[in-house]
Amino acid sequence: MKNDSLLFLWAKLSTIIQEASIGMPVIMYEPGDLRIETGAGRPFATVRIQRSHVGVYLLPLYYHPEILPAVLKPRKTGKGTLRFTEDADSVIDEMPALIERCRAMVGHY
């Protein structure tokens, strides 16, 4: 784990993503690193603590950027990457809706 101080933020984001991804296989679940795949074995989501942020990596978002809600656009740092630095960030509440949109794209990437 690169930054222990981000563990609470990682736990919050990981819980949200796991709850919205019920039924999908969890490949890795260690403090600071969560990886979820589709039933077909394709990467779906990763939540990982980095040096100064918690990164959320969503493969469906990479292929279908139009599914990203406008309120989350300031957190987007790569084609399928969102960056969070504070657990009190109000846009985190939009993550369940984004994960549902990502689930709808499974099989289309």
PDB file of N, CA and C in Angstrom:
ATOM      1  N   MET A   1       0.849  -1.168   0.000  1.00  0.00           N
ATOM      2  CA  MET A   1       0.000   0.000   0.000  1.00  0.00           C
ATOM      3  C   MET A   1       0.898   1.236   0.000  1.00  0.00           C
ATOM      4  N   LYS A   2       0.617   2.146  -0.908  1.00  0.00           N
ATOM      5  CA  LYS A   2       1.494   3.297  -1.086  1.00  0.00           C
ATOM      6  C   LYS A   2       1.244   4.421  -0.089  1.00  0.00           C
ATOM      7  N   ASN A   3       0.001   4.528   0.470  1.00  0.00           N
ATOM      8  CA  ASN A   3      -0.317   5.632   1.376  1.00  0.00           C
ATOM      9  C   ASN A   3      -1.393   5.182   2.362  1.00  0.00           C
ATOM     10  N   ASP A   4      -0.975   4.837   3.572  1.00  0.00           N
ATOM     11  CA  ASP A   4      -1.912   4.354   4.597  1.00  0.00           C
ATOM     12  C   ASP A   4      -2.994   5.362   4.952  1.00  0.00           C
ATOM     13  N   SER A   5      -2.710   6.651   4.794  1.00  0.00           N
ATOM     14  CA  SER A   5      -3.684   7.673   5.185  1.00  0.00           C
ATOM     15  C   SER A   5      -4.922   7.677   4.280  1.00  0.00           C
ATOM     16  N   LEU A   6      -4.855   7.014   3.143  1.00  0.00           N
ATOM     17  CA  LEU A   6      -5.995   6.960   2.217  1.00  0.00           C
ATOM     18  C   LEU A   6      -6.822   5.688   2.382  1.00  0.00           C
ATOM     19  N   LEU A   7      -6.549   4.911   3.414  1.00  0.00           N
ATOM     20  CA  LEU A   7      -7.241   3.635   3.595  1.00  0.00           C
ATOM     21  C   LEU A   7      -8.745   3.810   3.806  1.00  0.00           C
ATOM     22  N   PHE A   8      -9.164   4.838   4.557  1.00  0.00           N
ATOM     23  CA  PHE A   8     -10.595   5.053   4.779  1.00  0.00           C
ATOM     24  C   PHE A   8     -11.308   5.416   3.476  1.00  0.00           C
ATOM     25  N   LEU A   9     -10.678   6.252   2.654  1.00  0.00           N
ATOM     26  CA  LEU A   9     -11.249   6.597   1.350  1.00  0.00           C
ATOM     27  C   LEU A   9     -11.325   5.356   0.469  1.00  0.00           C
ATOM     28  N   TRP A  10     -10.258   4.553   0.452  1.00  0.00           N
ATOM     29  CA  TRP A  10     -10.268   3.318  -0.327  1.00  0.00           C
ATOM     30  C   TRP A  10     -11.399   2.398   0.137  1.00  0.00           C
ATOM     31  N   ALA A  11     -11.570   2.263   1.449  1.00  0.00           N
ATOM     32  CA  ALA A  11     -12.617   1.395   1.989  1.00  0.00           C
ATOM     33  C   ALA A  11     -14.002   1.884   1.579  1.00  0.00           C
ATOM     34  N   LYS A  12     -14.197   3.190   1.600  1.00  0.00           N
ATOM     35  CA  LYS A  12     -15.493   3.759   1.207  1.00  0.00           C
ATOM     36  C   LYS A  12     -15.786   3.473  -0.266  1.00  0.00           C
ATOM     37  N   LEU A  13     -14.826   3.751  -1.132  1.00  0.00           N
ATOM     38  CA  LEU A  13     -15.016   3.511  -2.563  1.00  0.00           C
ATOM     39  C   LEU A  13     -15.145   2.023  -2.868  1.00  0.00           C
ATOM     40  N   SER A  14     -14.357   1.205  -2.215  1.00  0.00           N
ATOM     41  CA  SER A  14     -14.420  -0.244  -2.438  1.00  0.00           C
ATOM     42  C   SER A  14     -15.776  -0.808  -2.050  1.00  0.00           C
ATOM     43  N   THR A  15     -16.309  -0.350  -0.929  1.00  0.00           N
ATOM     44  CA  THR A  15     -17.625  -0.817  -0.480  1.00  0.00           C
ATOM     45  C   THR A  15     -18.701  -0.432  -1.480  1.00  0.00           C
ATOM     46  N   ILE A  16     -18.671   0.802  -1.942  1.00  0.00           N
ATOM     47  CA  ILE A  16     -19.659   1.268  -2.925  1.00  0.00           C
ATOM     48  C   ILE A  16     -19.586   0.414  -4.188  1.00  0.00           C
ATOM     49  N   ILE A  17     -18.393   0.181  -4.683  1.00  0.00           N
ATOM     50  CA  ILE A  17     -18.231  -0.559  -5.935  1.00  0.00           C
ATOM     51  C   ILE A  17     -18.588  -2.030  -5.752  1.00  0.00           C
ATOM     52  N   GLN A  18     -18.230  -2.626  -4.634  1.00  0.00           N
ATOM     53  CA  GLN A  18     -18.597  -4.026  -4.391  1.00  0.00           C
ATOM     54  C   GLN A  18     -20.110  -4.190  -4.287  1.00  0.00           C
ATOM     55  N   GLU A  19     -20.776  -3.267  -3.590  1.00  0.00           N
ATOM     56  CA  GLU A  19     -22.233  -3.362  -3.446  1.00  0.00           C
ATOM     57  C   GLU A  19     -22.938  -3.214  -4.787  1.00  0.00           C
ATOM     58  N   ALA A  20     -22.380  -2.395  -5.678  1.00  0.00           N
ATOM     59  CA  ALA A  20     -22.987  -2.194  -6.994  1.00  0.00           C
ATOM     60  C   ALA A  20     -22.569  -3.278  -7.987  1.00  0.00           C
ATOM     61  N   SER A  21     -21.634  -4.137  -7.598  1.00  0.00           N
ATOM     62  CA  SER A  21     -21.119  -5.180  -8.493  1.00  0.00           C
ATOM     63  C   SER A  21     -21.438  -6.581  -7.986  1.00  0.00           C
ATOM     64  N   ILE A  22     -22.486  -6.708  -7.215  1.00  0.00           N
ATOM     65  CA  ILE A  22     -22.849  -8.015  -6.648  1.00  0.00           C
ATOM     66  C   ILE A  22     -23.018  -9.029  -7.776  1.00  0.00           C
ATOM     67  N   GLY A  23     -22.442 -10.207  -7.569  1.00  0.00           N
ATOM     68  CA  GLY A  23     -22.524 -11.270  -8.563  1.00  0.00           C
ATOM     69  C   GLY A  23     -21.317 -11.344  -9.477  1.00  0.00           C
ATOM     70  N   MET A  24     -20.464 -10.326  -9.424  1.00  0.00           N
ATOM     71  CA  MET A  24     -19.251 -10.332 -10.241  1.00  0.00           C
ATOM     72  C   MET A  24     -18.094 -10.838  -9.384  1.00  0.00           C
ATOM     73  N   PRO A  25     -17.189 -11.632  -9.960  1.00  0.00           N
ATOM     74  CA  PRO A  25     -16.093 -12.199  -9.172  1.00  0.00           C
ATOM     75  C   PRO A  25     -15.088 -11.152  -8.683  1.00  0.00           C
ATOM     76  N   VAL A  26     -14.780 -11.208  -7.401  1.00  0.00           N
ATOM     77  CA  VAL A  26     -13.729 -10.374  -6.820  1.00  0.00           C
ATOM     78  C   VAL A  26     -12.426 -11.160  -6.944  1.00  0.00           C
ATOM     79  N   ILE A  27     -11.497 -10.637  -7.710  1.00  0.00           N
ATOM     80  CA  ILE A  27     -10.238 -11.319  -7.997  1.00  0.00           C
ATOM     81  C   ILE A  27      -9.183 -11.001  -6.940  1.00  0.00           C
ATOM     82  N   MET A  28      -9.179  -9.764  -6.460  1.00  0.00           N
ATOM     83  CA  MET A  28      -8.195  -9.341  -5.456  1.00  0.00           C
ATOM     84  C   MET A  28      -8.913  -8.485  -4.435  1.00  0.00           C
ATOM     85  N   TYR A  29      -8.721  -8.801  -3.167  1.00  0.00           N
ATOM     86  CA  TYR A  29      -9.256  -7.974  -2.094  1.00  0.00           C
ATOM     87  C   TYR A  29      -8.241  -7.959  -0.966  1.00  0.00           C
ATOM     88  N   GLU A  30      -7.376  -6.964  -1.016  1.00  0.00           N
ATOM     89  CA  GLU A  30      -6.382  -6.710   0.017  1.00  0.00           C
ATOM     90  C   GLU A  30      -6.492  -5.238   0.367  1.00  0.00           C
ATOM     91  N   PRO A  31      -6.130  -4.845   1.569  1.00  0.00           N
ATOM     92  CA  PRO A  31      -6.177  -3.417   1.895  1.00  0.00           C
ATOM     93  C   PRO A  31      -5.402  -2.598   0.867  1.00  0.00           C
ATOM     94  N   GLY A  32      -6.100  -1.706   0.211  1.00  0.00           N
ATOM     95  CA  GLY A  32      -5.487  -0.859  -0.801  1.00  0.00           C
ATOM     96  C   GLY A  32      -5.610  -1.361  -2.217  1.00  0.00           C
ATOM     97  N   ASP A  33      -6.188  -2.539  -2.421  1.00  0.00           N
ATOM     98  CA  ASP A  33      -6.271  -3.103  -3.776  1.00  0.00           C
ATOM     99  C   ASP A  33      -7.498  -4.001  -3.913  1.00  0.00           C
ATOM    100  N   LEU A  34      -8.453  -3.561  -4.714  1.00  0.00           N
ATOM    101  CA  LEU A  34      -9.654  -4.338  -5.023  1.00  0.00           C
ATOM    102  C   LEU A  34      -9.734  -4.488  -6.531  1.00  0.00           C
ATOM    103  N   ARG A  35      -9.949  -5.716  -7.002  1.00  0.00           N
ATOM    104  CA  ARG A  35     -10.129  -5.961  -8.439  1.00  0.00           C
ATOM    105  C   ARG A  35     -11.344  -6.844  -8.651  1.00  0.00           C
ATOM    106  N   ILE A  36     -12.195  -6.423  -9.582  1.00  0.00           N
ATOM    107  CA  ILE A  36     -13.415  -7.156  -9.915  1.00  0.00           C
ATOM    108  C   ILE A  36     -13.404  -7.421 -11.414  1.00  0.00           C
ATOM    109  N   GLU A  37     -13.815  -8.627 -11.794  1.00  0.00           N
ATOM    110  CA  GLU A  37     -13.907  -9.003 -13.207  1.00  0.00           C
ATOM    111  C   GLU A  37     -15.357  -9.282 -13.572  1.00  0.00           C
ATOM    112  N   THR A  38     -15.604  -9.361 -14.866  1.00  0.00           N
ATOM    113  CA  THR A  38     -16.917  -9.785 -15.344  1.00  0.00           C
ATOM    114  C   THR A  38     -16.991 -11.304 -15.240  1.00  0.00           C
ATOM    115  N   GLY A  39     -18.157 -11.860 -15.436  1.00  0.00           N
ATOM    116  CA  GLY A  39     -18.317 -13.308 -15.419  1.00  0.00           C
ATOM    117  C   GLY A  39     -17.503 -13.997 -16.497  1.00  0.00           C
ATOM    118  N   ALA A  40     -17.195 -13.266 -17.575  1.00  0.00           N
ATOM    119  CA  ALA A  40     -16.408 -13.815 -18.682  1.00  0.00           C
ATOM    120  C   ALA A  40     -14.905 -13.669 -18.450  1.00  0.00           C
ATOM    121  N   GLY A  41     -14.522 -13.113 -17.296  1.00  0.00           N
ATOM    122  CA  GLY A  41     -13.108 -12.975 -16.987  1.00  0.00           C
ATOM    123  C   GLY A  41     -12.453 -11.700 -17.476  1.00  0.00           C
ATOM    124  N   ARG A  42     -13.244 -10.755 -17.972  1.00  0.00           N
ATOM    125  CA  ARG A  42     -12.699  -9.465 -18.411  1.00  0.00           C
ATOM    126  C   ARG A  42     -12.579  -8.528 -17.217  1.00  0.00           C
ATOM    127  N   PRO A  43     -11.574  -7.663 -17.186  1.00  0.00           N
ATOM    128  CA  PRO A  43     -11.482  -6.679 -16.103  1.00  0.00           C
ATOM    129  C   PRO A  43     -12.719  -5.780 -16.095  1.00  0.00           C
ATOM    130  N   PHE A  44     -13.201  -5.472 -14.913  1.00  0.00           N
ATOM    131  CA  PHE A  44     -14.357  -4.585 -14.778  1.00  0.00           C
ATOM    132  C   PHE A  44     -13.980  -3.333 -13.992  1.00  0.00           C
ATOM    133  N   ALA A  45     -13.520  -3.512 -12.755  1.00  0.00           N
ATOM    134  CA  ALA A  45     -13.185  -2.366 -11.902  1.00  0.00           C
ATOM    135  C   ALA A  45     -12.002  -2.699 -11.012  1.00  0.00           C
ATOM    136  N   THR A  46     -11.199  -1.684 -10.761  1.00  0.00           N
ATOM    137  CA  THR A  46     -10.097  -1.775  -9.808  1.00  0.00           C
ATOM    138  C   THR A  46     -10.131  -0.518  -8.956  1.00  0.00           C
ATOM    139  N   VAL A  47      -9.942  -0.678  -7.653  1.00  0.00           N
ATOM    140  CA  VAL A  47      -9.813   0.455  -6.736  1.00  0.00           C
ATOM    141  C   VAL A  47      -8.470   0.266  -6.043  1.00  0.00           C
ATOM    142  N   ARG A  48      -7.577   1.228  -6.221  1.00  0.00           N
ATOM    143  CA  ARG A  48      -6.219   1.055  -5.707  1.00  0.00           C
ATOM    144  C   ARG A  48      -5.711   2.357  -5.078  1.00  0.00           C
ATOM    145  N   ILE A  49      -5.059   2.203  -3.938  1.00  0.00           N
ATOM    146  CA  ILE A  49      -4.415   3.353  -3.300  1.00  0.00           C
ATOM    147  C   ILE A  49      -3.110   3.646  -4.034  1.00  0.00           C
ATOM    148  N   GLN A  50      -2.971   4.898  -4.454  1.00  0.00           N
ATOM    149  CA  GLN A  50      -1.733   5.368  -5.069  1.00  0.00           C
ATOM    150  C   GLN A  50      -1.021   6.287  -4.073  1.00  0.00           C
ATOM    151  N   ARG A  51       0.010   6.954  -4.473  1.00  0.00           N
ATOM    152  CA  ARG A  51       0.791   7.779  -3.554  1.00  0.00           C
ATOM    153  C   ARG A  51      -0.014   8.943  -2.977  1.00  0.00           C
ATOM    154  N   SER A  52      -0.785   9.643  -3.816  1.00  0.00           N
ATOM    155  CA  SER A  52      -1.493  10.835  -3.337  1.00  0.00           C
ATOM    156  C   SER A  52      -2.995  10.788  -3.588  1.00  0.00           C
ATOM    157  N   HIS A  53      -3.512   9.656  -4.024  1.00  0.00           N
ATOM    158  CA  HIS A  53      -4.937   9.548  -4.316  1.00  0.00           C
ATOM    159  C   HIS A  53      -5.369   8.082  -4.322  1.00  0.00           C
ATOM    160  N   VAL A  54      -6.682   7.902  -4.406  1.00  0.00           N
ATOM    161  CA  VAL A  54      -7.232   6.567  -4.642  1.00  0.00           C
ATOM    162  C   VAL A  54      -7.746   6.567  -6.073  1.00  0.00           C
ATOM    163  N   GLY A  55      -7.252   5.647  -6.863  1.00  0.00           N
ATOM    164  CA  GLY A  55      -7.662   5.542  -8.255  1.00  0.00           C
ATOM    165  C   GLY A  55      -8.751   4.500  -8.420  1.00  0.00           C
ATOM    166  N   VAL A  56      -9.765   4.866  -9.195  1.00  0.00           N
ATOM    167  CA  VAL A  56     -10.825   3.931  -9.575  1.00  0.00           C
ATOM    168  C   VAL A  56     -10.682   3.737 -11.076  1.00  0.00           C
ATOM    169  N   TYR A  57     -10.442   2.506 -11.475  1.00  0.00           N
ATOM    170  CA  TYR A  57     -10.188   2.174 -12.872  1.00  0.00           C
ATOM    171  C   TYR A  57     -11.348   1.334 -13.379  1.00  0.00           C
ATOM    172  N   LEU A  58     -12.066   1.859 -14.365  1.00  0.00           N
ATOM    173  CA  LEU A  58     -13.263   1.197 -14.888  1.00  0.00           C
ATOM    174  C   LEU A  58     -13.086   0.923 -16.375  1.00  0.00           C
ATOM    175  N   LEU A  59     -12.936  -0.339 -16.742  1.00  0.00           N
ATOM    176  CA  LEU A  59     -12.729  -0.671 -18.149  1.00  0.00           C
ATOM    177  C   LEU A  59     -13.930  -0.300 -19.024  1.00  0.00           C
ATOM    178  N   PRO A  60     -15.176  -0.479 -18.583  1.00  0.00           N
ATOM    179  CA  PRO A  60     -16.292  -0.054 -19.432  1.00  0.00           C
ATOM    180  C   PRO A  60     -16.251   1.446 -19.746  1.00  0.00           C
ATOM    181  N   LEU A  61     -15.772   2.250 -18.806  1.00  0.00           N
ATOM    182  CA  LEU A  61     -15.667   3.692 -19.023  1.00  0.00           C
ATOM    183  C   LEU A  61     -14.624   4.004 -20.095  1.00  0.00           C
ATOM    184  N   TYR A  62     -13.582   3.210 -20.170  1.00  0.00           N
ATOM    185  CA  TYR A  62     -12.547   3.384 -21.189  1.00  0.00           C
ATOM    186  C   TYR A  62     -13.161   3.281 -22.588  1.00  0.00           C
ATOM    187  N   TYR A  63     -14.011   2.290 -22.795  1.00  0.00           N
ATOM    188  CA  TYR A  63     -14.615   2.061 -24.110  1.00  0.00           C
ATOM    189  C   TYR A  63     -15.876   2.881 -24.350  1.00  0.00           C
ATOM    190  N   HIS A  64     -16.534   3.314 -23.287  1.00  0.00           N
ATOM    191  CA  HIS A  64     -17.796   4.053 -23.410  1.00  0.00           C
ATOM    192  C   HIS A  64     -17.756   5.300 -22.527  1.00  0.00           C
ATOM    193  N   PRO A  65     -16.961   6.304 -22.892  1.00  0.00           N
ATOM    194  CA  PRO A  65     -16.820   7.493 -22.039  1.00  0.00           C
ATOM    195  C   PRO A  65     -18.114   8.279 -21.869  1.00  0.00           C
ATOM    196  N   GLU A  66     -19.074   8.059 -22.742  1.00  0.00           N
ATOM    197  CA  GLU A  66     -20.339   8.790 -22.661  1.00  0.00           C
ATOM    198  C   GLU A  66     -21.162   8.421 -21.431  1.00  0.00           C
ATOM    199  N   ILE A  67     -20.830   7.342 -20.743  1.00  0.00           N
ATOM    200  CA  ILE A  67     -21.606   6.933 -19.568  1.00  0.00           C
ATOM    201  C   ILE A  67     -21.206   7.694 -18.301  1.00  0.00           C
ATOM    202  N   LEU A  68     -20.157   8.497 -18.365  1.00  0.00           N
ATOM    203  CA  LEU A  68     -19.689   9.236 -17.191  1.00  0.00           C
ATOM    204  C   LEU A  68     -20.607  10.418 -16.901  1.00  0.00           C
ATOM    205  N   PRO A  69     -21.208  10.483 -15.705  1.00  0.00           N
ATOM    206  CA  PRO A  69     -22.030  11.644 -15.348  1.00  0.00           C
ATOM    207  C   PRO A  69     -21.177  12.916 -15.325  1.00  0.00           C
ATOM    208  N   ALA A  70     -21.776  14.022 -15.707  1.00  0.00           N
ATOM    209  CA  ALA A  70     -21.046  15.293 -15.789  1.00  0.00           C
ATOM    210  C   ALA A  70     -20.403  15.676 -14.460  1.00  0.00           C
ATOM    211  N   VAL A  71     -21.056  15.359 -13.357  1.00  0.00           N
ATOM    212  CA  VAL A  71     -20.532  15.734 -12.040  1.00  0.00           C
ATOM    213  C   VAL A  71     -19.217  15.017 -11.718  1.00  0.00           C
ATOM    214  N   LEU A  72     -18.954  13.878 -12.347  1.00  0.00           N
ATOM    215  CA  LEU A  72     -17.714  13.130 -12.109  1.00  0.00           C
ATOM    216  C   LEU A  72     -16.590  13.501 -13.077  1.00  0.00           C
ATOM    217  N   LYS A  73     -16.877  14.305 -14.087  1.00  0.00           N
ATOM    218  CA  LYS A  73     -15.851  14.647 -15.084  1.00  0.00           C
ATOM    219  C   LYS A  73     -14.604  15.303 -14.488  1.00  0.00           C
ATOM    220  N   PRO A  74     -14.730  16.147 -13.451  1.00  0.00           N
ATOM    221  CA  PRO A  74     -13.499  16.712 -12.872  1.00  0.00           C
ATOM    222  C   PRO A  74     -12.585  15.665 -12.223  1.00  0.00           C
ATOM    223  N   ARG A  75     -13.101  14.504 -11.887  1.00  0.00           N
ATOM    224  CA  ARG A  75     -12.296  13.443 -11.268  1.00  0.00           C
ATOM    225  C   ARG A  75     -11.624  12.546 -12.307  1.00  0.00           C
ATOM    226  N   LYS A  76     -12.004  12.693 -13.574  1.00  0.00           N
ATOM    227  CA  LYS A  76     -11.459  11.835 -14.627  1.00  0.00           C
ATOM    228  C   LYS A  76     -10.041  12.285 -14.972  1.00  0.00           C
ATOM    229  N   THR A  77      -9.106  11.341 -14.896  1.00  0.00           N
ATOM    230  CA  THR A  77      -7.707  11.672 -15.183  1.00  0.00           C
ATOM    231  C   THR A  77      -7.127  10.838 -16.319  1.00  0.00           C
ATOM    232  N   GLY A  78      -7.846   9.864 -16.771  1.00  0.00           N
ATOM    233  CA  GLY A  78      -7.420   9.022 -17.882  1.00  0.00           C
ATOM    234  C   GLY A  78      -8.671   8.549 -18.597  1.00  0.00           C
ATOM    235  N   LYS A  79      -8.524   7.732 -19.603  1.00  0.00           N
ATOM    236  CA  LYS A  79      -9.692   7.288 -20.363  1.00  0.00           C
ATOM    237  C   LYS A  79     -10.684   6.509 -19.523  1.00  0.00           C
ATOM    238  N   GLY A  80     -10.198   5.761 -18.554  1.00  0.00           N
ATOM    239  CA  GLY A  80     -11.087   4.982 -17.696  1.00  0.00           C
ATOM    240  C   GLY A  80     -10.753   5.132 -16.226  1.00  0.00           C
ATOM    241  N   THR A  81     -10.103   6.246 -15.870  1.00  0.00           N
ATOM    242  CA  THR A  81      -9.585   6.437 -14.516  1.00  0.00           C
ATOM    243  C   THR A  81     -10.227   7.636 -13.838  1.00  0.00           C
ATOM    244  N   LEU A  82     -10.624   7.437 -12.579  1.00  0.00           N
ATOM    245  CA  LEU A  82     -11.118   8.520 -11.735  1.00  0.00           C
ATOM    246  C   LEU A  82     -10.188   8.629 -10.537  1.00  0.00           C
ATOM    247  N   ARG A  83      -9.915   9.860 -10.117  1.00  0.00           N
ATOM    248  CA  ARG A  83      -8.993  10.103  -9.003  1.00  0.00           C
ATOM    249  C   ARG A  83      -9.740  10.793  -7.871  1.00  0.00           C
ATOM    250  N   PHE A  84      -9.608  10.231  -6.664  1.00  0.00           N
ATOM    251  CA  PHE A  84     -10.233  10.792  -5.471  1.00  0.00           C
ATOM    252  C   PHE A  84      -9.168  11.019  -4.411  1.00  0.00           C
ATOM    253  N   THR A  85      -9.304  12.146  -3.671  1.00  0.00           N
ATOM    254  CA  THR A  85      -8.322  12.468  -2.640  1.00  0.00           C
ATOM    255  C   THR A  85      -8.938  12.665  -1.259  1.00  0.00           C
ATOM    256  N   GLU A  86     -10.263  12.832  -1.173  1.00  0.00           N
ATOM    257  CA  GLU A  86     -10.915  13.097   0.114  1.00  0.00           C
ATOM    258  C   GLU A  86     -12.141  12.216   0.273  1.00  0.00           C
ATOM    259  N   ASP A  87     -12.308  11.630   1.464  1.00  0.00           N
ATOM    260  CA  ASP A  87     -13.475  10.772   1.673  1.00  0.00           C
ATOM    261  C   ASP A  87     -14.754  11.571   1.890  1.00  0.00           C
ATOM    262  N   ALA A  88     -14.650  12.885   2.083  1.00  0.00           N
ATOM    263  CA  ALA A  88     -15.833  13.733   2.226  1.00  0.00           C
ATOM    264  C   ALA A  88     -16.280  14.311   0.879  1.00  0.00           C
ATOM    265  N   ASP A  89     -15.687  13.862  -0.203  1.00  0.00           N
ATOM    266  CA  ASP A  89     -16.017  14.344  -1.548  1.00  0.00           C
ATOM    267  C   ASP A  89     -17.459  13.966  -1.884  1.00  0.00           C
ATOM    268  N   SER A  90     -18.304  14.964  -2.118  1.00  0.00           N
ATOM    269  CA  SER A  90     -19.735  14.707  -2.345  1.00  0.00           C
ATOM    270  C   SER A  90     -20.013  13.960  -3.648  1.00  0.00           C
ATOM    271  N   VAL A  91     -19.119  14.022  -4.617  1.00  0.00           N
ATOM    272  CA  VAL A  91     -19.367  13.333  -5.888  1.00  0.00           C
ATOM    273  C   VAL A  91     -19.234  11.817  -5.760  1.00  0.00           C
ATOM    274  N   ILE A  92     -18.682  11.349  -4.650  1.00  0.00           N
ATOM    275  CA  ILE A  92     -18.596   9.903  -4.425  1.00  0.00           C
ATOM    276  C   ILE A  92     -19.992   9.287  -4.428  1.00  0.00           C
ATOM    277  N   ASP A  93     -20.996  10.076  -4.047  1.00  0.00           N
ATOM    278  CA  ASP A  93     -22.379   9.587  -4.035  1.00  0.00           C
ATOM    279  C   ASP A  93     -22.880   9.215  -5.427  1.00  0.00           C
ATOM    280  N   GLU A  94     -22.209   9.679  -6.470  1.00  0.00           N
ATOM    281  CA  GLU A  94     -22.594   9.367  -7.849  1.00  0.00           C
ATOM    282  C   GLU A  94     -22.009   8.039  -8.332  1.00  0.00           C
ATOM    283  N   MET A  95     -21.118   7.460  -7.565  1.00  0.00           N
ATOM    284  CA  MET A  95     -20.449   6.229  -8.000  1.00  0.00           C
ATOM    285  C   MET A  95     -21.393   5.042  -8.203  1.00  0.00           C
ATOM    286  N   PRO A  96     -22.386   4.798  -7.330  1.00  0.00           N
ATOM    287  CA  PRO A  96     -23.281   3.655  -7.599  1.00  0.00           C
ATOM    288  C   PRO A  96     -23.975   3.753  -8.959  1.00  0.00           C
ATOM    289  N   ALA A  97     -24.407   4.953  -9.329  1.00  0.00           N
ATOM    290  CA  ALA A  97     -25.063   5.134 -10.629  1.00  0.00           C
ATOM    291  C   ALA A  97     -24.083   4.867 -11.769  1.00  0.00           C
ATOM    292  N   LEU A  98     -22.842   5.305 -11.611  1.00  0.00           N
ATOM    293  CA  LEU A  98     -21.838   5.055 -12.648  1.00  0.00           C
ATOM    294  C   LEU A  98     -21.556   3.565 -12.776  1.00  0.00           C
ATOM    295  N   ILE A  99     -21.462   2.862 -11.657  1.00  0.00           N
ATOM    296  CA  ILE A  99     -21.200   1.420 -11.714  1.00  0.00           C
ATOM    297  C   ILE A  99     -22.357   0.701 -12.396  1.00  0.00           C
ATOM    298  N   GLU A 100     -23.581   1.130 -12.145  1.00  0.00           N
ATOM    299  CA  GLU A 100     -24.736   0.530 -12.836  1.00  0.00           C
ATOM    300  C   GLU A 100     -24.633   0.756 -14.341  1.00  0.00           C
ATOM    301  N   ARG A 101     -24.231   1.946 -14.747  1.00  0.00           N
ATOM    302  CA  ARG A 101     -24.037   2.218 -16.179  1.00  0.00           C
ATOM    303  C   ARG A 101     -22.925   1.337 -16.745  1.00  0.00           C
ATOM    304  N   CYS A 102     -21.867   1.166 -15.974  1.00  0.00           N
ATOM    305  CA  CYS A 102     -20.764   0.299 -16.410  1.00  0.00           C
ATOM    306  C   CYS A 102     -21.232  -1.146 -16.546  1.00  0.00           C
ATOM    307  N   ARG A 103     -22.046  -1.606 -15.607  1.00  0.00           N
ATOM    308  CA  ARG A 103     -22.565  -2.982 -15.683  1.00  0.00           C
ATOM    309  C   ARG A 103     -23.394  -3.183 -16.942  1.00  0.00           C
ATOM    310  N   ALA A 104     -24.121  -2.152 -17.348  1.00  0.00           N
ATOM    311  CA  ALA A 104     -24.934  -2.245 -18.563  1.00  0.00           C
ATOM    312  C   ALA A 104     -24.062  -2.394 -19.810  1.00  0.00           C
ATOM    313  N   MET A 105     -22.800  -1.999 -19.720  1.00  0.00           N
ATOM    314  CA  MET A 105     -21.884  -2.080 -20.861  1.00  0.00           C
ATOM    315  C   MET A 105     -21.138  -3.413 -20.927  1.00  0.00           C
ATOM    316  N   VAL A 106     -21.263  -4.255 -19.901  1.00  0.00           N
ATOM    317  CA  VAL A 106     -20.575  -5.552 -19.904  1.00  0.00           C
ATOM    318  C   VAL A 106     -21.055  -6.347 -21.117  1.00  0.00           C
ATOM    319  N   GLY A 107     -20.125  -6.867 -21.869  1.00  0.00           N
ATOM    320  CA  GLY A 107     -20.444  -7.586 -23.096  1.00  0.00           C
ATOM    321  C   GLY A 107     -20.360  -6.701 -24.327  1.00  0.00           C
ATOM    322  N   HIS A 108     -20.175  -5.388 -24.113  1.00  0.00           N
ATOM    323  CA  HIS A 108     -20.070  -4.438 -25.226  1.00  0.00           C
ATOM    324  C   HIS A 108     -18.667  -3.844 -25.325  1.00  0.00           C
ATOM    325  N   TYR A 109     -17.722  -4.468 -24.684  1.00  0.00           N
ATOM    326  CA  TYR A 109     -16.324  -4.022 -24.777  1.00  0.00           C
ATOM    327  C   TYR A 109     -15.410  -5.215 -24.752  1.00  0.00           C
TER     328      TYR A 109
END
